[in-house]
Amino acid sequence: MVENINSFRSPEIGNEVLTPLRKNALRGSIGESSFEQALRGEELKFSLHAKKRIQERSLVLDGKTMESLQESLRVLESKGARNSLVMVGNTAFVVNVPNRLVVTCFDQEAGKGSVFTNIDSAFII
């Protein structure tokens, strides 16, 4: 039955062929609460570059660090920030706030002498 959905014809419509919905037309699943949907929008993502830097620099991202990053993004969003430098302890993260994306990250030693451009805000925890 699923295979034939593209060729399904309704008697009321005549010869018009109905097309299935796009895959991303419906977000979430049946039975998912609005709270869970809202949380999914707050998911923090890491770019491939950031993931590579975490591995190369042996940075530790524990639960407390992730929680601090999430909280800093909420504050930065409320202030209208777009690209920010977030310091959590001795680790710095450059984040794209609207996309909730960590662009890169480094520890204090790796960041010495660095110049940061195209950021509009900084948040130090």
Protein backbone atom coordinates (compact mmCIF):
# COMPACT_ATOMS: atom_id res chain seq x y z
CA MET A 1 0.00 0.00 0.00
CA VAL A 2 2.85 2.42 0.79
CA GLU A 3 4.44 1.80 -2.61
CA ASN A 4 1.26 2.99 -4.35
CA ILE A 5 0.84 6.29 -2.53
CA ASN A 6 2.36 8.27 -5.41
CA SER A 7 -0.28 6.97 -7.82
CA PHE A 8 -3.30 7.18 -5.52
CA ARG A 9 -6.25 8.87 -7.16
CA SER A 10 -9.21 10.18 -5.26
CA PRO A 11 -12.64 9.86 -6.91
CA GLU A 12 -13.51 13.40 -5.80
CA ILE A 13 -10.42 14.89 -7.45
CA GLY A 14 -10.69 13.12 -10.78
CA ASN A 15 -7.46 12.42 -12.62
CA GLU A 16 -5.21 14.55 -10.40
CA VAL A 17 -2.33 12.64 -8.85
CA LEU A 18 -1.68 13.32 -5.18
CA THR A 19 1.92 13.68 -4.16
CA PRO A 20 3.28 12.74 -0.74
CA LEU A 21 4.35 15.36 1.76
CA ARG A 22 7.98 16.42 1.82
CA LYS A 23 10.00 14.57 4.43
CA ASN A 24 10.58 17.71 6.48
CA ALA A 25 7.04 19.02 6.25
CA LEU A 26 6.12 17.58 9.62
CA ARG A 27 8.51 18.07 12.47
CA GLY A 28 8.45 15.90 15.54
CA SER A 29 6.58 12.69 15.98
CA ILE A 30 3.08 11.86 17.03
CA GLY A 31 2.83 11.94 20.80
CA GLU A 32 5.85 14.19 21.26
CA SER A 33 5.16 16.95 23.74
CA SER A 34 5.64 20.62 22.86
CA PHE A 35 8.27 20.75 25.61
CA GLU A 36 10.31 18.07 23.84
CA GLN A 37 9.91 19.93 20.56
CA ALA A 38 11.15 23.14 22.18
CA LEU A 39 14.13 21.36 23.68
CA ARG A 40 15.05 19.91 20.31
CA GLY A 41 15.34 23.49 19.03
CA GLU A 42 17.85 24.22 21.78
CA GLU A 43 20.21 21.44 20.77
CA LEU A 44 23.82 22.57 20.60
CA LYS A 45 25.68 21.46 17.48
CA PHE A 46 29.41 21.27 16.74
CA SER A 47 30.89 21.93 13.31
CA LEU A 48 33.29 19.39 11.84
CA HIS A 49 36.07 21.89 12.43
CA ALA A 50 35.15 22.21 16.13
CA LYS A 51 34.98 18.42 16.53
CA LYS A 52 38.43 18.13 14.99
CA ARG A 53 39.84 20.80 17.32
CA ILE A 54 38.34 19.06 20.37
CA GLN A 55 40.12 15.85 19.42
CA GLU A 56 43.40 17.51 18.43
CA ARG A 57 43.59 19.59 21.59
CA SER A 58 42.21 16.88 23.90
CA LEU A 59 39.57 19.23 25.24
CA VAL A 60 37.19 17.77 27.81
CA LEU A 61 33.53 18.67 27.40
CA ASP A 62 31.80 17.41 30.52
CA GLY A 63 28.18 17.90 31.51
CA LYS A 64 28.91 21.09 33.44
CA THR A 65 30.67 22.65 30.43
CA MET A 66 27.81 21.71 28.10
CA GLU A 67 25.27 23.11 30.56
CA SER A 68 27.26 26.36 30.78
CA LEU A 69 27.38 26.60 26.99
CA GLN A 70 23.62 26.06 26.74
CA GLU A 71 22.96 28.74 29.36
CA SER A 72 25.32 31.20 27.66
CA LEU A 73 23.52 30.67 24.35
CA ARG A 74 20.17 31.44 25.99
CA VAL A 75 21.57 34.71 27.36
CA LEU A 76 23.28 35.63 24.08
CA GLU A 77 20.07 34.90 22.12
CA SER A 78 18.09 37.17 24.43
CA LYS A 79 20.60 39.97 23.75
CA GLY A 80 20.47 39.50 19.96
CA ALA A 81 24.03 38.22 19.59
CA ARG A 82 24.99 36.53 16.33
CA ASN A 83 28.62 35.35 16.57
CA SER A 84 30.14 35.19 20.03
CA LEU A 85 33.18 34.13 21.96
CA VAL A 86 32.16 32.12 25.03
CA MET A 87 34.73 31.41 27.75
CA VAL A 88 33.95 28.45 30.00
CA GLY A 89 36.79 28.04 32.48
CA ASN A 90 40.00 27.78 30.43
CA THR A 91 38.21 26.81 27.22
CA ALA A 92 36.95 29.26 24.62
CA PHE A 93 34.21 28.56 22.09
CA VAL A 94 33.35 30.63 19.03
CA VAL A 95 29.63 30.09 18.45
CA ASN A 96 27.12 31.09 15.83
CA VAL A 97 24.24 31.93 18.15
CA PRO A 98 21.20 31.79 15.80
CA ASN A 99 22.24 28.35 14.52
CA ARG A 100 23.36 27.15 17.99
CA LEU A 101 26.59 25.99 16.33
CA VAL A 102 30.04 25.82 17.91
CA VAL A 103 32.34 26.91 15.08
CA THR A 104 35.67 26.29 16.84
CA CYS A 105 37.10 25.86 20.31
CA PHE A 106 40.47 26.01 22.02
CA ASP A 107 42.08 26.15 25.41
CA GLN A 108 43.81 29.17 26.88
CA GLU A 109 47.26 28.05 25.71
CA ALA A 110 46.19 27.54 22.07
CA GLY A 111 44.41 30.91 22.06
CA LYS A 112 47.39 33.01 23.16
CA GLY A 113 48.22 35.68 20.61
CA SER A 114 45.07 34.96 18.57
CA VAL A 115 42.94 37.68 17.03
CA PHE A 116 39.21 37.07 16.84
CA THR A 117 37.30 38.79 14.07
CA ASN A 118 33.64 38.74 13.05
CA ILE A 119 32.32 38.35 16.58
CA ASP A 120 29.83 40.79 18.05
CA SER A 121 29.88 39.70 21.66
CA ALA A 122 31.71 37.78 24.36
CA PHE A 123 30.37 35.84 27.32
CA ILE A 124 32.69 34.82 30.16
CA ILE A 125 31.57 32.19 32.64
